[in-house]
């Protein structure tokens, strides 16, 4: 495990967001859980019953007339009837059952949005036991006992299940309200408890006035292939070296392929594979947290491409590197940290940033292996990714309704000679948690 940030709630970064209109902040704390064997068995049982309820909600929706599909409210009202007809559902806490119904309709809503955006989508599938791994208690059905534990441990009680010991790595603030609690079993076999919190005690820094922005306190970010990040002011950040981890993953997967599916040895080896995958994910996330924190604290505005990562992964070549990069996760981290640190983060249209000349705007087609930009029209020469980063910052200014300063030629935004670029290793980001200014 690399860095402290990989050990706590940062493992679920997308659960945090800022609601400026209500001046409230919603975020989560995630803790390792250590249930006794008896309680773990009950957790497993409730996971399976909630999975059955989810599948029943789906069945009820799919088998309703097209012109009379039940809403979330309608299916919540059916819960008492279902509990009488199928007593196993009566074992569930009412709020947790309603959260499972809400989970189906939330997935259904996300599916509709994808369809509206032009994506080819099918129907929601039945959840298999290996796929359904979490249950949420909303508003009630849980208790937190911070005094019962010792040496940074506490206990959380789930209704109809029991008390679960958690590693209380950081206390929940006094001014925060616990809105929900989720227990989850990871593919590694580990248990976690996540607390959804809300607080009105928000003192967020103000973002700089848009009219005060200029090229010297803003940066364009090109997410590249040769370098993970290339900035418009001449910095490059290397990729995180995960080759040793992937070699270990390949080794463990080969061992898994030689086990009899469903045997105890297979399950033991499957967990080893899951732990290696988890280590890779945490390394990437820890790396991205440190890199994005540097960006939002160093600059008043950060401009980045609005990438269609899914389409890129479906393209030919280099798919694993693109997946390792986790670019959409990187962009989402920038987005929510913008409010936390008082920085403008703007996503711009990515099409043509590599082809267009940052000086004159003439497009020049470049194969992926051509790493230099040389404009046949104006003669401007620089690194391919540097040219893209300069186009991104110019588009970012246009997105904010600002004109690109005429007294700021593109040559001053980044060095035109790639030898002058300040290269920063991924190891430096991990070890120091920051980049040189």
Protein backbone atom coordinates (compact mmCIF):
# COMPACT_ATOMS: atom_id res chain seq x y z
CA UNK A 1 0.00 0.00 0.00
CA UNK A 2 1.45 3.35 -1.01
CA UNK A 3 0.90 6.55 0.94
CA UNK A 4 -1.57 7.34 3.69
CA UNK A 5 -4.31 8.52 1.37
CA UNK A 6 -4.78 5.02 -0.01
CA UNK A 7 -5.76 3.69 3.44
CA UNK A 8 -8.86 5.72 4.21
CA UNK A 9 -11.96 7.23 2.65
CA UNK A 10 -10.03 8.47 -0.37
CA UNK A 11 -10.54 4.96 -1.69
CA UNK A 12 -14.04 6.17 -2.60
CA UNK A 13 -13.35 9.63 -3.96
CA UNK A 14 -16.45 9.89 -6.08
CA UNK A 15 -18.74 9.77 -3.03
CA UNK A 16 -17.71 13.32 -2.24
CA UNK A 17 -19.24 16.38 -3.83
CA UNK A 18 -19.94 19.99 -2.97
CA UNK A 19 -23.40 21.57 -3.12
CA UNK A 20 -22.74 25.29 -3.32
CA UNK A 21 -26.39 26.29 -3.45
CA UNK A 22 -27.15 24.72 -0.07
CA UNK A 23 -23.69 25.58 1.34
CA UNK A 24 -23.58 21.98 2.54
CA UNK A 25 -20.88 19.44 2.00
CA UNK A 26 -21.48 15.74 1.51
CA UNK A 27 -18.63 13.30 1.80
CA UNK A 28 -17.79 9.89 3.21
CA UNK A 29 -15.46 8.23 5.68
CA UNK A 30 -14.52 4.64 4.93
CA UNK A 31 -13.20 2.23 7.54
CA UNK A 32 -11.89 -1.33 7.56
CA UNK A 33 -14.34 -3.61 9.37
CA UNK A 34 -13.58 -6.74 11.39
CA UNK A 35 -16.81 -8.67 12.08
CA UNK A 36 -16.75 -11.83 14.15
CA UNK A 37 -17.44 -15.03 12.22
CA UNK A 38 -21.02 -15.13 13.52
CA UNK A 39 -21.70 -11.54 12.47
CA UNK A 40 -19.88 -12.05 9.15
CA UNK A 41 -22.23 -14.95 8.39
CA UNK A 42 -25.23 -12.68 9.06
CA UNK A 43 -23.72 -9.96 6.88
CA UNK A 44 -23.31 -12.50 4.08
CA UNK A 45 -26.90 -13.65 4.53
CA UNK A 46 -28.29 -10.10 4.40
CA UNK A 47 -26.20 -9.36 1.32
CA UNK A 48 -27.79 -12.33 -0.42
CA UNK A 49 -31.33 -11.43 0.65
CA UNK A 50 -30.85 -7.84 -0.55
CA UNK A 51 -29.57 -9.26 -3.83
CA UNK A 52 -32.74 -11.33 -4.13
CA UNK A 53 -34.83 -8.25 -3.36
CA UNK A 54 -32.98 -6.24 -6.02
CA UNK A 55 -33.62 -8.98 -8.58
CA UNK A 56 -37.28 -9.14 -7.57
CA UNK A 57 -37.63 -5.37 -7.98
CA UNK A 58 -36.13 -5.75 -11.45
CA UNK A 59 -38.48 -8.65 -12.27
CA UNK A 60 -41.51 -6.67 -11.09
CA UNK A 61 -40.48 -3.70 -13.23
CA UNK A 62 -39.66 -5.75 -16.34
CA UNK A 63 -42.97 -7.66 -16.18
CA UNK A 64 -45.15 -4.58 -15.79
CA UNK A 65 -46.94 -3.12 -18.84
CA UNK A 66 -44.87 -0.69 -20.88
CA UNK A 67 -47.38 2.09 -20.26
CA UNK A 68 -47.60 1.41 -16.52
CA UNK A 69 -44.07 0.87 -15.20
CA UNK A 70 -43.89 1.17 -11.40
CA UNK A 71 -41.97 4.07 -9.89
CA UNK A 72 -39.66 3.85 -6.90
CA UNK A 73 -42.53 5.11 -4.75
CA UNK A 74 -44.85 2.40 -6.11
CA UNK A 75 -42.39 -0.39 -5.39
CA UNK A 76 -41.65 0.90 -1.90
CA UNK A 77 -45.37 0.61 -1.23
CA UNK A 78 -45.25 -3.02 -2.40
CA UNK A 79 -42.60 -3.96 0.17
CA UNK A 80 -45.10 -4.85 2.98
CA UNK A 81 -46.97 -7.14 0.57
CA UNK A 82 -43.76 -8.79 -0.60
CA UNK A 83 -42.64 -9.35 3.00
CA UNK A 84 -45.89 -11.19 3.74
CA UNK A 85 -45.65 -13.29 0.60
CA UNK A 86 -41.92 -14.04 0.90
CA UNK A 87 -40.99 -14.05 4.62
CA UNK A 88 -37.26 -13.90 3.82
CA UNK A 89 -37.71 -10.24 2.87
CA UNK A 90 -39.12 -9.49 6.35
CA UNK A 91 -35.65 -10.18 7.75
CA UNK A 92 -34.46 -6.89 6.24
CA UNK A 93 -34.59 -3.50 7.91
CA UNK A 94 -37.22 -1.30 6.24
CA UNK A 95 -34.85 1.57 5.39
CA UNK A 96 -32.24 -0.82 4.01
CA UNK A 97 -34.89 -2.47 1.83
CA UNK A 98 -36.01 0.92 0.53
CA UNK A 99 -32.38 1.76 -0.25
CA UNK A 100 -32.17 -1.43 -2.35
CA UNK A 101 -35.27 -0.36 -4.30
CA UNK A 102 -33.71 3.07 -4.76
CA UNK A 103 -30.53 1.40 -5.99
CA UNK A 104 -32.41 -0.28 -8.85
CA UNK A 105 -34.12 2.93 -9.92
CA UNK A 106 -30.86 4.85 -9.71
CA UNK A 107 -29.26 2.31 -12.02
CA UNK A 108 -32.28 2.57 -14.31
CA UNK A 109 -31.97 6.36 -14.40
CA UNK A 110 -28.27 6.14 -15.27
CA UNK A 111 -29.14 3.72 -18.07
CA UNK A 112 -31.69 6.18 -19.50
CA UNK A 113 -29.16 9.01 -19.40
CA UNK A 114 -26.66 6.93 -21.37
CA UNK A 115 -29.33 6.13 -23.94
CA UNK A 116 -30.26 9.81 -24.24
CA UNK A 117 -26.59 10.61 -24.86
CA UNK A 118 -26.53 8.26 -27.82
CA UNK A 119 -24.98 5.19 -26.21
CA UNK A 120 -26.19 1.70 -27.11
CA UNK A 121 -27.56 0.21 -23.92
CA UNK A 122 -29.50 -2.92 -23.06
CA UNK A 123 -31.43 -3.74 -19.92
CA UNK A 124 -30.35 -4.05 -16.34
CA UNK A 125 -29.17 -7.57 -15.62
CA UNK A 126 -29.87 -9.86 -12.71
CA UNK A 127 -27.29 -9.54 -9.96
CA UNK A 128 -25.21 -12.63 -9.29
CA UNK A 129 -23.87 -13.35 -5.78
CA UNK A 130 -20.37 -12.32 -6.86
CA UNK A 131 -21.62 -8.96 -8.17
CA UNK A 132 -23.82 -7.71 -5.32
CA UNK A 133 -21.45 -6.72 -2.54
CA UNK A 134 -22.92 -3.83 -0.53
CA UNK A 135 -25.97 -2.83 1.50
CA UNK A 136 -26.92 0.67 2.61
CA UNK A 137 -28.82 1.70 5.74
CA UNK A 138 -30.38 5.08 5.06
CA UNK A 139 -31.25 7.47 7.91
CA UNK A 140 -31.89 4.74 10.49
CA UNK A 141 -31.13 1.14 11.38
CA UNK A 142 -27.56 1.77 12.55
CA UNK A 143 -25.67 3.07 15.58
CA UNK A 144 -22.07 4.18 16.10
CA UNK A 145 -20.37 3.57 19.44
CA UNK A 146 -17.10 5.51 19.51
CA UNK A 147 -16.39 4.81 23.20
CA UNK A 148 -16.68 1.04 23.09
CA UNK A 149 -13.49 0.55 21.07
CA UNK A 150 -9.91 1.08 22.18
CA UNK A 151 -6.75 2.16 20.37
CA UNK A 152 -8.48 3.72 17.36
CA UNK A 153 -11.26 1.15 17.13
CA UNK A 154 -15.02 1.72 17.32
CA UNK A 155 -18.18 -0.30 16.77
CA UNK A 156 -21.12 0.16 14.41
CA UNK A 157 -24.39 -1.73 14.83
CA UNK A 158 -26.52 -2.75 11.87
CA UNK A 159 -30.15 -3.53 12.68
CA UNK A 160 -30.97 -7.28 12.58
CA UNK A 161 -27.27 -8.08 12.10
CA UNK A 162 -25.25 -6.96 15.13
CA UNK A 163 -22.18 -4.99 16.15
CA UNK A 164 -19.19 -4.74 13.83
CA UNK A 165 -15.73 -3.62 14.92
CA UNK A 166 -14.12 -0.97 12.70
CA UNK A 167 -10.69 0.62 12.58
CA UNK A 168 -11.61 4.19 13.57
CA UNK A 169 -8.72 5.81 11.73
CA UNK A 170 -10.24 9.27 11.96
CA UNK A 171 -13.16 10.53 13.99
CA UNK A 172 -16.38 11.72 12.46
CA UNK A 173 -16.58 15.51 13.05
CA UNK A 174 -18.99 16.67 15.73
CA UNK A 175 -20.70 19.04 13.29
CA UNK A 176 -21.30 16.26 10.72
CA UNK A 177 -24.57 14.35 10.42
CA UNK A 178 -24.47 10.67 9.50
CA UNK A 179 -26.95 10.29 6.63
CA UNK A 180 -26.31 6.65 5.79
CA UNK A 181 -24.00 3.73 6.50
CA UNK A 182 -22.96 1.10 3.96
CA UNK A 183 -21.27 -2.22 4.60
CA UNK A 184 -19.41 -3.84 1.73
CA UNK A 185 -17.48 -7.01 1.08
CA UNK A 186 -14.59 -6.58 -1.34
CA UNK A 187 -13.51 -9.34 -3.77
CA UNK A 188 -10.52 -9.83 -1.48
CA UNK A 189 -12.88 -10.99 1.28
CA UNK A 190 -12.30 -7.83 3.36
CA UNK A 191 -15.20 -5.93 4.93
CA UNK A 192 -15.58 -2.14 4.95
CA UNK A 193 -18.05 0.30 6.49
CA UNK A 194 -18.66 3.67 4.81
CA UNK A 195 -20.39 6.58 6.54
CA UNK A 196 -22.17 9.09 4.32
CA UNK A 197 -21.82 12.45 6.08
CA UNK A 198 -23.28 15.90 5.63
CA UNK A 199 -22.21 19.12 7.27
CA UNK A 200 -23.41 22.71 6.97
CA UNK A 201 -20.26 23.97 8.64
CA UNK A 202 -18.49 24.64 5.35
CA UNK A 203 -15.78 27.26 5.06
CA UNK A 204 -14.60 26.87 1.49
CA UNK A 205 -12.08 29.26 -0.04
CA UNK A 206 -13.42 31.62 -2.66
CA UNK A 207 -12.37 31.08 -6.23
CA UNK A 208 -10.40 33.87 -7.88
CA UNK A 209 -12.43 36.28 -9.96
CA UNK A 210 -12.54 35.09 -13.56
CA UNK A 211 -11.54 38.50 -14.89
CA UNK A 212 -8.32 38.36 -12.86
CA UNK A 213 -7.08 35.18 -14.51
CA UNK A 214 -4.10 35.31 -16.83
CA UNK A 215 -1.74 32.82 -18.43
CA UNK A 216 0.78 33.03 -15.57
CA UNK A 217 -1.62 31.62 -12.93
CA UNK A 218 -3.45 29.13 -15.16
CA UNK A 219 -2.43 25.86 -16.75
CA UNK A 220 -3.58 23.58 -19.53
CA UNK A 221 -3.23 19.83 -18.94
CA UNK A 222 -2.70 17.31 -21.71
CA UNK A 223 -3.17 13.71 -20.59
CA UNK A 224 -0.74 11.91 -22.79
CA UNK A 225 0.73 8.57 -23.69
CA UNK A 226 4.45 9.15 -23.37
CA UNK A 227 3.96 11.26 -20.22
CA UNK A 228 1.04 11.04 -17.84
CA UNK A 229 0.66 14.81 -17.71
CA UNK A 230 2.10 17.56 -19.88
CA UNK A 231 1.39 21.11 -18.73
CA UNK A 232 1.24 24.26 -20.81
CA UNK A 233 4.00 25.88 -18.72
CA UNK A 234 6.58 23.24 -19.54
CA UNK A 235 6.29 20.47 -16.95
CA UNK A 236 5.98 16.77 -17.69
CA UNK A 237 5.07 14.09 -15.17
CA UNK A 238 6.01 10.48 -15.86
CA UNK A 239 3.69 7.52 -15.77
CA UNK A 240 3.45 5.47 -12.62
CA UNK A 241 5.61 2.37 -13.02
CA UNK A 242 3.33 -0.61 -12.39
CA UNK A 243 5.25 -3.22 -14.36
CA UNK A 244 6.32 -5.18 -11.26
CA UNK A 245 2.74 -5.21 -10.02
CA UNK A 246 1.43 -6.40 -13.37
CA UNK A 247 4.08 -9.10 -13.53
CA UNK A 248 2.91 -10.33 -10.15
CA UNK A 249 -0.71 -10.15 -11.34
CA UNK A 250 0.10 -12.25 -14.42
CA UNK A 251 1.88 -14.79 -12.22
CA UNK A 252 -1.03 -15.07 -9.79
CA UNK A 253 -3.55 -15.31 -12.64
CA UNK A 254 -1.59 -18.18 -14.22
CA UNK A 255 -1.74 -20.00 -10.89
CA UNK A 256 -5.47 -19.33 -10.68
CA UNK A 257 -6.01 -20.83 -14.14
CA UNK A 258 -4.52 -24.12 -12.93
CA UNK A 259 -6.96 -24.48 -10.00
CA UNK A 260 -10.24 -26.36 -10.13
CA UNK A 261 -13.01 -23.80 -10.38
CA UNK A 262 -15.09 -23.72 -7.18
CA UNK A 263 -12.53 -25.52 -5.03
CA UNK A 264 -11.05 -24.11 -1.84
CA UNK A 265 -7.68 -23.69 -3.54
CA UNK A 266 -9.39 -21.77 -6.34
CA UNK A 267 -11.08 -19.42 -3.88
CA UNK A 268 -7.83 -18.88 -1.98
CA UNK A 269 -5.97 -18.06 -5.19
CA UNK A 270 -8.81 -15.84 -6.45
CA UNK A 271 -8.42 -13.68 -3.36
CA UNK A 272 -4.69 -13.36 -4.01
CA UNK A 273 -5.46 -12.09 -7.52
CA UNK A 274 -8.02 -9.64 -6.12
CA UNK A 275 -5.47 -8.28 -3.62
CA UNK A 276 -2.93 -7.60 -6.37
CA UNK A 277 -5.60 -5.77 -8.39
CA UNK A 278 -6.57 -3.78 -5.31
CA UNK A 279 -2.94 -2.79 -4.75
CA UNK A 280 -2.71 -1.48 -8.33
CA UNK A 281 -5.94 0.51 -7.96
CA UNK A 282 -4.77 2.06 -4.70
CA UNK A 283 -1.39 2.99 -6.12
CA UNK A 284 -3.03 4.77 -9.05
CA UNK A 285 -5.53 6.55 -6.80
CA UNK A 286 -2.88 7.66 -4.31
CA UNK A 287 -0.77 8.96 -7.20
CA UNK A 288 -3.70 10.87 -8.69
CA UNK A 289 -4.66 12.43 -5.37
CA UNK A 290 -1.20 13.86 -4.85
CA UNK A 291 -0.93 15.07 -8.42
CA UNK A 292 -4.37 16.71 -8.51
CA UNK A 293 -3.84 18.33 -5.11
CA UNK A 294 -0.67 19.94 -6.42
CA UNK A 295 -2.47 21.24 -9.51
CA UNK A 296 -5.40 22.84 -7.66
CA UNK A 297 -3.14 24.44 -5.04
CA UNK A 298 -0.53 25.68 -7.52
CA UNK A 299 -2.85 27.33 -10.08
CA UNK A 300 -5.92 29.57 -10.04
CA UNK A 301 -7.41 27.72 -13.02
CA UNK A 302 -6.79 24.26 -14.45
CA UNK A 303 -8.02 23.38 -17.94
CA UNK A 304 -8.29 19.75 -18.99
CA UNK A 305 -9.78 17.76 -21.87
CA UNK A 306 -13.28 16.31 -21.51
CA UNK A 307 -12.24 12.83 -22.62
CA UNK A 308 -14.58 10.05 -23.71
CA UNK A 309 -12.52 7.42 -21.93
CA UNK A 310 -14.88 4.51 -22.65
CA UNK A 311 -14.61 5.06 -26.41
CA UNK A 312 -10.83 5.34 -26.11
CA UNK A 313 -10.64 1.99 -24.31
CA UNK A 314 -12.67 0.38 -27.08
CA UNK A 315 -10.22 1.64 -29.69
CA UNK A 316 -7.31 -0.34 -31.06
CA UNK A 317 -3.96 -0.47 -29.28
CA UNK A 318 -2.62 0.71 -25.93
CA UNK A 319 -5.88 -0.11 -24.14
CA UNK A 320 -4.21 -1.32 -20.94
CA UNK A 321 -2.12 1.83 -20.61
CA UNK A 322 -5.24 3.95 -21.11
CA UNK A 323 -7.04 1.97 -18.41
CA UNK A 324 -4.06 2.27 -16.06
CA UNK A 325 -4.15 6.03 -16.55
CA UNK A 326 -7.72 6.18 -15.14
CA UNK A 327 -8.15 9.53 -16.86
CA UNK A 328 -11.84 9.93 -16.03
CA UNK A 329 -11.08 9.32 -12.36
CA UNK A 330 -8.27 11.89 -12.60
CA UNK A 331 -10.65 14.48 -14.12
CA UNK A 332 -13.34 13.78 -11.50
CA UNK A 333 -10.78 14.27 -8.72
CA UNK A 334 -9.85 17.64 -10.21
CA UNK A 335 -13.53 18.61 -10.39
CA UNK A 336 -14.42 18.07 -6.76
CA UNK A 337 -11.12 19.47 -5.47
CA UNK A 338 -11.82 22.69 -7.38
CA UNK A 339 -14.34 23.72 -4.71
CA UNK A 340 -12.28 22.40 -1.81
CA UNK A 341 -9.25 24.52 -2.76
CA UNK A 342 -10.89 27.48 -4.50
CA UNK A 343 -9.70 26.76 -8.03
CA UNK A 344 -11.43 26.93 -11.40
CA UNK A 345 -11.37 23.56 -13.19
CA UNK A 346 -12.78 23.67 -16.71
CA UNK A 347 -13.17 20.77 -19.13
CA UNK A 348 -12.76 21.68 -22.79
CA UNK A 349 -13.52 19.98 -26.09
CA UNK A 350 -10.62 17.60 -26.81
CA UNK A 351 -11.13 17.21 -30.57
CA UNK A 352 -8.28 18.73 -32.55
CA UNK A 353 -6.05 19.79 -29.68
CA UNK A 354 -3.21 17.68 -31.05
CA UNK A 355 -3.73 18.58 -34.71
CA UNK A 356 -4.16 22.36 -34.37
CA UNK A 357 -1.13 24.61 -34.20
CA UNK A 358 -1.22 26.56 -30.94
CA UNK A 359 0.20 29.62 -32.70
CA UNK A 360 -1.75 29.88 -35.97
CA UNK A 361 -4.54 27.28 -35.68
CA UNK A 362 -3.69 25.36 -38.86
CA UNK A 363 -4.45 21.65 -38.55
CA UNK A 364 -1.78 19.06 -39.28
CA UNK A 365 -2.52 15.34 -39.09
CA UNK A 366 0.01 13.43 -36.99
CA UNK A 367 0.23 9.65 -36.54
CA UNK A 368 0.48 8.53 -32.92
CA UNK A 369 4.20 7.77 -33.25
CA UNK A 370 5.04 11.34 -34.31
CA UNK A 371 5.86 13.06 -31.02
CA UNK A 372 6.84 16.51 -32.31
CA UNK A 373 4.69 19.33 -33.63
CA UNK A 374 6.03 21.21 -36.64
CA UNK A 375 3.58 23.59 -38.28
CA UNK A 376 3.98 23.79 -42.08
CA UNK A 377 2.22 27.16 -42.08
CA UNK A 378 3.94 29.28 -39.42
CA UNK A 379 6.95 27.10 -38.61
CA UNK A 380 6.12 26.76 -34.91
CA UNK A 381 7.90 23.73 -33.44
CA UNK A 382 7.46 22.09 -30.06
CA UNK A 383 6.58 18.79 -28.44
CA UNK A 384 3.30 17.26 -29.61
CA UNK A 385 1.81 17.16 -26.09
CA UNK A 386 3.06 20.66 -25.28
CA UNK A 387 1.21 21.97 -28.34
CA UNK A 388 -1.96 20.18 -27.17
CA UNK A 389 -1.60 21.65 -23.66
CA UNK A 390 -1.28 25.15 -25.12
CA UNK A 391 -4.42 24.63 -27.20
CA UNK A 392 -6.24 23.41 -24.09
CA UNK A 393 -5.41 26.52 -22.07
CA UNK A 394 -6.53 28.75 -24.94
CA UNK A 395 -9.81 26.86 -25.22
CA UNK A 396 -10.20 27.11 -21.47
CA UNK A 397 -9.96 30.89 -21.61
CA UNK A 398 -12.59 30.91 -24.37
CA UNK A 399 -14.83 28.61 -22.27
CA UNK A 400 -14.72 31.17 -19.44
CA UNK A 401 -15.59 33.96 -21.86
CA UNK A 402 -12.10 35.40 -21.81
CA UNK A 403 -10.03 36.18 -24.86
CA UNK A 404 -6.52 34.79 -25.07
CA UNK A 405 -4.21 37.70 -24.12
CA UNK A 406 -2.66 39.11 -27.27
CA UNK A 407 0.50 40.00 -25.38
CA UNK A 408 0.99 36.35 -24.36
CA UNK A 409 2.49 34.53 -27.32
CA UNK A 410 2.31 30.75 -27.16
CA UNK A 411 6.11 30.51 -27.09
CA UNK A 412 6.09 31.96 -23.57
CA UNK A 413 3.52 29.48 -22.28
CA UNK A 414 5.82 26.51 -22.73
CA UNK A 415 9.36 25.97 -23.85
CA UNK A 416 9.66 25.37 -27.60
CA UNK A 417 12.63 23.08 -27.05
CA UNK A 418 11.66 19.79 -25.41
CA UNK A 419 15.06 19.62 -23.70
CA UNK A 420 14.00 22.57 -21.54
CA UNK A 421 10.90 20.82 -20.21
CA UNK A 422 10.98 20.14 -16.49
CA UNK A 423 10.51 16.39 -16.16
CA UNK A 424 9.13 15.02 -12.89
CA UNK A 425 9.21 11.31 -12.10
CA UNK A 426 6.18 9.45 -10.80
CA UNK A 427 8.25 8.26 -7.83
CA UNK A 428 8.89 11.90 -6.84
CA UNK A 429 5.12 12.53 -6.78
CA UNK A 430 4.54 9.47 -4.57
CA UNK A 431 7.38 10.12 -2.13
CA UNK A 432 6.83 13.85 -1.64
CA UNK A 433 3.12 14.13 -2.32
CA UNK A 434 3.76 17.24 -4.39
CA UNK A 435 5.62 18.64 -7.36
CA UNK A 436 8.17 21.46 -7.53
CA UNK A 437 6.63 24.84 -8.20
